[in-house]
Amino acid sequence: MQATQPAFFKQGPKPLTRVLIFATLSLALIVGDAYYHLLGRIREQLSLALYPLQWLATTPTNAVIEASIFLQRQNQLIAENRTLNDARLIAQAQEMRLKALEAENANLRSLAVAKESQPRQSLLTQILYNGRDPFSSKLIVDLGQRAGVSTGQIALDASGVVGQVIRVQPLTSEVRLISDREHMVPVFVERNQLRTVVYGTGRQSPLEVRNMAPNVDIQVGDILLTSGIDGIYPSGLPVAKVSKVERAAGNAFARIQCQALAGIDQHRFLLLLNPPAALPPYPETTPEPQVKGH
């Protein structure tokens, strides 16, 4: 069976002739494009026509590469964010600790100045914790009998009186604050030397001056100092500042409130003053002589 082929392939030019024809056309196109740029527009049109095909071919690969780069950058940003956050927290903790140390150093320096200004010897003590009774105003400090602490010693800071030692153990002592309800301090008004007594009313509560007549010469802003009466406190220690005076006509006594000058709930360190010298004994009472009538 004979193969049916088009007449062109049976009767066309010979292969050598076709090679020569196509070679000549190729050389003509090369020379024309090199010297006369005949194919520039054709290439531009072909590139515009083939651009969508190139875009469709390269888009999946580019999308995968961009997604990989995006995920890597996200992971890097998350790691850097965690590192910066940890560094910020550490810096904040160090800053708070530095501020606390600065405040503590300032308190210690002020206590050192106050210690040098006191004529009596004193001991620097650290507050360990508050008393167990929440309704009382007491502190436990880290010095006791072994350090030479005794009952009756006065606790103070650089601004004024804090309290008094009421119980001593071998290694610790208990200090009753001037704000305690069972505590009182004999004082006098610095402005006019008027003697009176300051009473505690409880932690976080103002101090009070009681049993004073409505016309008593006490004013807001007056400074109250220890009077030294009864040998309890040394004379001249700052105690409180008058913050409020009420003189109601219907009341038998004036209502006088004071603010403690010492930072009762603000410091970690206190000074314990040695107790003052004992006063002479109270004179014995003798019966008054009877006057005989004439």
Protein backbone atom coordinates (compact mmCIF):
# COMPACT_ATOMS: atom_id res chain seq x y z
CA MET A 1 0.00 0.00 0.00
CA GLN A 2 1.49 3.32 -1.12
CA ALA A 3 1.67 6.15 1.39
CA THR A 4 -0.42 9.13 0.51
CA GLN A 5 1.71 12.31 0.86
CA PRO A 6 1.10 15.84 -0.36
CA ALA A 7 2.49 16.72 -3.71
CA PHE A 8 4.70 19.41 -2.16
CA PHE A 9 6.85 16.86 -0.33
CA LYS A 10 7.11 14.68 -3.45
CA GLN A 11 7.92 17.43 -5.90
CA GLY A 12 9.48 20.20 -3.63
CA PRO A 13 13.03 21.43 -3.69
CA LYS A 14 15.81 19.22 -2.68
CA PRO A 15 17.06 19.29 0.93
CA LEU A 16 20.28 21.04 -0.02
CA THR A 17 18.34 23.73 -1.81
CA ARG A 18 16.12 24.24 1.22
CA VAL A 19 19.14 24.54 3.52
CA LEU A 20 20.62 27.19 1.30
CA ILE A 21 17.34 29.13 1.15
CA PHE A 22 16.84 29.14 4.93
CA ALA A 23 20.48 29.97 5.59
CA THR A 24 20.25 32.92 3.22
CA LEU A 25 17.07 34.17 4.92
CA SER A 26 18.71 33.81 8.37
CA LEU A 27 21.76 35.78 7.27
CA ALA A 28 19.55 38.45 5.75
CA LEU A 29 17.55 38.77 9.00
CA ILE A 30 20.71 38.90 11.10
CA VAL A 31 22.30 41.59 8.95
CA GLY A 32 19.07 43.59 8.72
CA ASP A 33 18.47 43.48 12.48
CA ALA A 34 22.10 44.35 13.24
CA TYR A 35 22.29 47.36 10.95
CA TYR A 36 18.71 48.46 10.44
CA HIS A 37 16.89 47.10 13.57
CA LEU A 38 14.22 45.49 11.48
CA LEU A 39 13.13 43.02 14.19
CA GLY A 40 12.93 45.45 17.19
CA ARG A 41 9.23 46.13 16.84
CA ILE A 42 8.52 42.47 16.25
CA ARG A 43 10.34 41.54 19.45
CA GLU A 44 8.46 44.22 21.40
CA GLN A 45 5.14 42.96 20.16
CA LEU A 46 6.11 39.37 20.90
CA SER A 47 7.31 40.30 24.43
CA LEU A 48 3.99 42.07 25.14
CA ALA A 49 2.07 39.09 23.84
CA LEU A 50 4.17 36.60 25.86
CA TYR A 51 4.24 38.65 29.15
CA PRO A 52 1.00 37.16 30.54
CA LEU A 53 2.36 33.69 29.88
CA GLN A 54 5.63 34.57 31.62
CA TRP A 55 3.74 36.09 34.56
CA LEU A 56 1.56 33.00 34.91
CA ALA A 57 4.63 30.79 34.78
CA THR A 58 6.64 32.72 37.40
CA THR A 59 3.82 33.77 39.79
CA PRO A 60 3.59 30.49 41.80
CA THR A 61 7.35 30.39 42.29
CA ASN A 62 7.51 34.05 43.30
CA ALA A 63 4.56 33.60 45.68
CA VAL A 64 6.27 30.68 47.40
CA ILE A 65 9.52 32.66 47.72
CA GLU A 66 7.77 35.76 49.08
CA ALA A 67 5.72 33.67 51.55
CA SER A 68 8.90 31.99 52.78
CA ILE A 69 10.64 35.37 53.21
CA PHE A 70 7.57 36.81 54.99
CA LEU A 71 7.43 33.90 57.44
CA GLN A 72 11.15 34.16 58.15
CA ARG A 73 10.82 37.89 58.84
CA GLN A 74 7.82 37.27 61.08
CA ASN A 75 9.75 34.73 63.11
CA GLN A 76 12.69 37.13 63.37
CA LEU A 77 10.41 39.97 64.47
CA ILE A 78 8.72 37.77 67.09
CA ALA A 79 12.10 36.67 68.46
CA GLU A 80 13.38 40.26 68.54
CA ASN A 81 10.15 41.40 70.23
CA ARG A 82 10.54 38.77 72.94
CA THR A 83 14.17 39.72 73.46
CA LEU A 84 13.33 43.42 73.71
CA ASN A 85 10.40 42.72 76.06
CA ASP A 86 12.60 40.64 78.35
CA ALA A 87 15.26 43.37 78.31
CA ARG A 88 12.62 45.99 79.12
CA LEU A 89 11.30 43.99 82.07
CA ILE A 90 14.82 43.45 83.40
CA ALA A 91 15.57 47.17 83.02
CA GLN A 92 12.35 48.11 84.83
CA ALA A 93 13.15 45.72 87.69
CA GLN A 94 16.67 47.14 87.95
CA GLU A 95 15.31 50.69 87.89
CA MET A 96 12.83 49.95 90.70
CA ARG A 97 15.56 48.28 92.73
CA LEU A 98 17.85 51.26 92.11
CA LYS A 99 15.16 53.69 93.26
CA ALA A 100 14.55 51.60 96.38
CA LEU A 101 18.29 51.56 97.13
CA GLU A 102 18.51 55.31 96.59
CA ALA A 103 15.63 55.91 98.99
CA GLU A 104 17.18 53.55 101.54
CA ASN A 105 20.57 55.25 101.24
CA ALA A 106 18.94 58.66 101.69
CA ASN A 107 17.20 57.38 104.82
CA LEU A 108 20.46 55.97 106.19
CA ARG A 109 22.29 59.24 105.53
CA SER A 110 19.57 61.22 107.28
CA LEU A 111 19.70 58.80 110.23
CA ALA A 112 23.48 59.21 110.39
CA VAL A 113 23.05 62.98 110.60
CA ALA A 114 20.35 62.60 113.24
CA LYS A 115 22.55 60.22 115.24
CA GLU A 116 25.39 62.71 115.32
CA SER A 117 23.04 65.50 116.38
CA GLN A 118 21.74 63.56 119.39
CA PRO A 119 23.61 64.04 122.65
CA ARG A 120 22.82 60.47 123.73
CA GLN A 121 24.20 57.33 122.20
CA SER A 122 21.92 55.45 119.82
CA LEU A 123 21.70 52.17 117.92
CA LEU A 124 20.79 51.73 114.27
CA THR A 125 18.17 49.01 113.91
CA GLN A 126 16.24 47.51 111.03
CA ILE A 127 12.50 46.84 111.00
CA LEU A 128 11.75 43.15 110.52
CA TYR A 129 7.95 43.07 110.43
CA ASN A 130 4.79 44.54 111.89
CA GLY A 131 3.19 43.29 115.07
CA ARG A 132 0.79 40.37 114.89
CA ASP A 133 -2.17 42.32 116.23
CA PRO A 134 -3.73 44.21 113.27
CA PHE A 135 -5.51 46.60 115.67
CA SER A 136 -2.29 47.78 117.29
CA SER A 137 0.58 49.88 115.95
CA LYS A 138 3.73 47.95 116.73
CA LEU A 139 6.95 46.97 114.99
CA ILE A 140 9.55 44.27 115.53
CA VAL A 141 13.19 45.33 115.08
CA ASP A 142 16.33 43.23 114.74
CA LEU A 143 18.14 44.28 117.95
CA GLY A 144 17.50 42.88 121.42
CA GLN A 145 19.14 42.27 124.77
CA ARG A 146 22.37 41.03 123.21
CA ALA A 147 22.78 44.39 121.46
CA GLY A 148 22.13 46.31 124.68
CA VAL A 149 18.52 47.32 123.97
CA SER A 150 16.30 47.91 127.00
CA THR A 151 12.67 48.78 127.52
CA GLY A 152 11.88 52.46 127.41
CA GLN A 153 14.33 53.37 124.66
CA ILE A 154 12.98 55.85 122.14
CA ALA A 155 12.73 54.95 118.45
CA LEU A 156 13.01 57.82 115.99
CA ASP A 157 13.93 58.65 112.42
CA ALA A 158 15.48 61.77 110.93
CA SER A 159 12.19 63.71 111.23
CA GLY A 160 10.96 62.86 114.70
CA VAL A 161 9.76 60.35 117.26
CA VAL A 162 8.47 57.00 115.97
CA GLY A 163 7.72 55.16 119.19
CA GLN A 164 9.13 53.46 122.26
CA VAL A 165 10.55 50.02 123.02
CA ILE A 166 8.07 48.13 125.22
CA ARG A 167 9.36 44.55 125.08
CA VAL A 168 12.86 43.15 124.60
CA GLN A 169 13.87 39.64 123.56
CA PRO A 170 17.42 38.29 123.21
CA LEU A 171 17.56 39.03 119.46
CA THR A 172 14.58 41.28 118.75
CA SER A 173 12.59 44.07 120.34
CA GLU A 174 9.03 45.33 120.07
CA VAL A 175 8.39 49.02 119.43
CA ARG A 176 5.04 50.64 120.13
CA LEU A 177 4.40 53.46 117.64
CA ILE A 178 3.11 56.84 118.75
CA SER A 179 -0.01 56.15 116.66
CA ASP A 180 -0.99 53.19 118.88
CA ARG A 181 -4.21 53.67 120.87
CA GLU A 182 -2.43 52.86 124.13
CA HIS A 183 0.42 55.30 123.59
CA MET A 184 0.78 58.89 124.79
CA VAL A 185 3.63 61.38 124.55
CA PRO A 186 4.09 64.38 126.89
CA VAL A 187 4.75 67.39 124.64
CA PHE A 188 4.84 71.16 124.59
CA VAL A 189 3.94 73.64 121.88
CA GLU A 190 7.12 75.08 120.40
CA ARG A 191 5.52 78.49 119.81
CA ASN A 192 4.32 79.23 123.36
CA GLN A 193 5.76 76.39 125.52
CA LEU A 194 2.24 75.16 126.40
CA ARG A 195 2.44 71.66 127.89
CA THR A 196 0.01 68.95 126.85
CA VAL A 197 -0.15 65.27 125.85
CA VAL A 198 -0.49 63.68 122.39
CA TYR A 199 -2.52 60.47 122.17
CA GLY A 200 -2.47 57.83 119.44
CA THR A 201 -5.73 56.85 117.75
CA GLY A 202 -4.65 53.87 115.64
CA ARG A 203 -2.54 53.11 112.61
CA GLN A 204 -3.18 55.37 109.62
CA SER A 205 -5.14 57.74 111.89
CA PRO A 206 -4.19 61.25 113.07
CA LEU A 207 -2.88 61.91 116.58
CA GLU A 208 -4.99 63.83 119.10
CA VAL A 209 -4.51 66.41 121.82
CA ARG A 210 -7.27 65.85 124.37
CA ASN A 211 -8.83 67.59 127.34
CA MET A 212 -7.92 71.10 126.26
CA ALA A 213 -10.31 74.04 126.71
CA PRO A 214 -11.87 75.59 123.60
CA ASN A 215 -9.92 78.81 124.12
CA VAL A 216 -6.54 77.05 124.38
CA ASP A 217 -3.72 78.79 122.51
CA ILE A 218 -3.04 76.07 119.93
CA GLN A 219 -3.13 76.84 116.22
CA VAL A 220 -2.93 74.87 113.01
CA GLY A 221 0.73 74.51 112.07
CA ASP A 222 2.08 74.47 115.63
CA ILE A 223 4.97 72.05 116.18
CA LEU A 224 4.79 69.77 119.23
CA LEU A 225 8.04 68.68 120.90
CA THR A 226 8.65 66.19 123.66
CA SER A 227 8.56 67.93 127.03
CA GLY A 228 10.68 65.43 128.98
CA ILE A 229 8.18 65.39 131.87
CA ASP A 230 8.14 62.16 133.89
CA GLY A 231 11.46 61.12 132.32
CA ILE A 232 9.80 59.12 129.54
CA TYR A 233 11.10 60.97 126.50
CA PRO A 234 14.12 63.26 126.20
CA SER A 235 13.08 66.87 125.90
CA GLY A 236 12.96 68.64 122.53
CA LEU A 237 12.34 65.78 120.10
CA PRO A 238 9.89 66.60 117.26
CA VAL A 239 6.64 64.68 117.57
CA ALA A 240 3.78 66.13 115.54
CA LYS A 241 2.34 69.12 113.74
CA VAL A 242 -1.16 70.43 114.47
CA SER A 243 -3.33 69.84 111.40
CA LYS A 244 -6.85 70.64 112.61
CA VAL A 245 -8.44 72.59 115.48
CA GLU A 246 -12.21 72.58 116.09
CA ARG A 247 -13.69 74.87 118.74
CA ALA A 248 -17.40 74.07 118.96
CA ALA A 249 -19.42 76.21 121.35
CA GLY A 250 -21.34 73.25 122.75
CA ASN A 251 -18.28 71.13 123.54
CA ALA A 252 -16.34 71.35 126.78
CA PHE A 253 -13.03 70.61 125.03
CA ALA A 254 -11.46 71.57 121.73
CA ARG A 255 -10.90 68.86 119.15
CA ILE A 256 -7.25 69.01 118.08
CA GLN A 257 -5.75 66.64 115.52
CA CYS A 258 -2.06 66.32 114.67
CA GLN A 259 0.06 64.71 112.00
CA ALA A 260 3.14 62.77 113.07
CA LEU A 261 6.36 64.32 111.79
CA ALA A 262 8.18 61.00 111.61
CA GLY A 263 7.62 58.60 108.72
CA ILE A 264 5.99 55.94 110.87
CA ASP A 265 5.19 53.58 107.98
CA GLN A 266 7.83 54.64 105.48
CA HIS A 267 11.29 53.45 106.52
CA ARG A 268 13.22 50.23 107.12
CA PHE A 269 15.75 51.63 109.60
CA LEU A 270 15.31 53.45 112.91
CA LEU A 271 17.46 54.86 115.68
CA LEU A 272 17.06 53.63 119.25
CA LEU A 273 18.11 56.30 121.75
CA ASN A 274 19.41 55.33 125.11
CA PRO A 275 16.86 56.08 127.84
CA PRO A 276 17.24 59.42 129.65
CA ALA A 277 18.72 59.59 133.10
CA ALA A 278 16.35 58.70 135.88
CA LEU A 279 14.67 61.66 137.56
CA PRO A 280 14.83 62.17 141.30
CA PRO A 281 12.13 60.25 143.15
CA TYR A 282 8.77 61.88 143.54
CA PRO A 283 8.59 63.64 146.92
CA GLU A 284 6.70 61.81 149.58
CA THR A 285 3.44 63.31 150.66
CA THR A 286 3.28 64.43 154.26
CA PRO A 287 0.15 65.47 156.13
CA GLU A 288 -0.31 69.17 156.33
CA PRO A 289 0.11 70.59 159.83
CA GLN A 290 -3.12 71.42 161.55
CA VAL A 291 -3.56 74.98 162.65
CA LYS A 292 -4.84 75.19 166.18
CA GLY A 293 -7.47 77.69 166.80
CA HIS A 294 -7.00 80.38 169.43
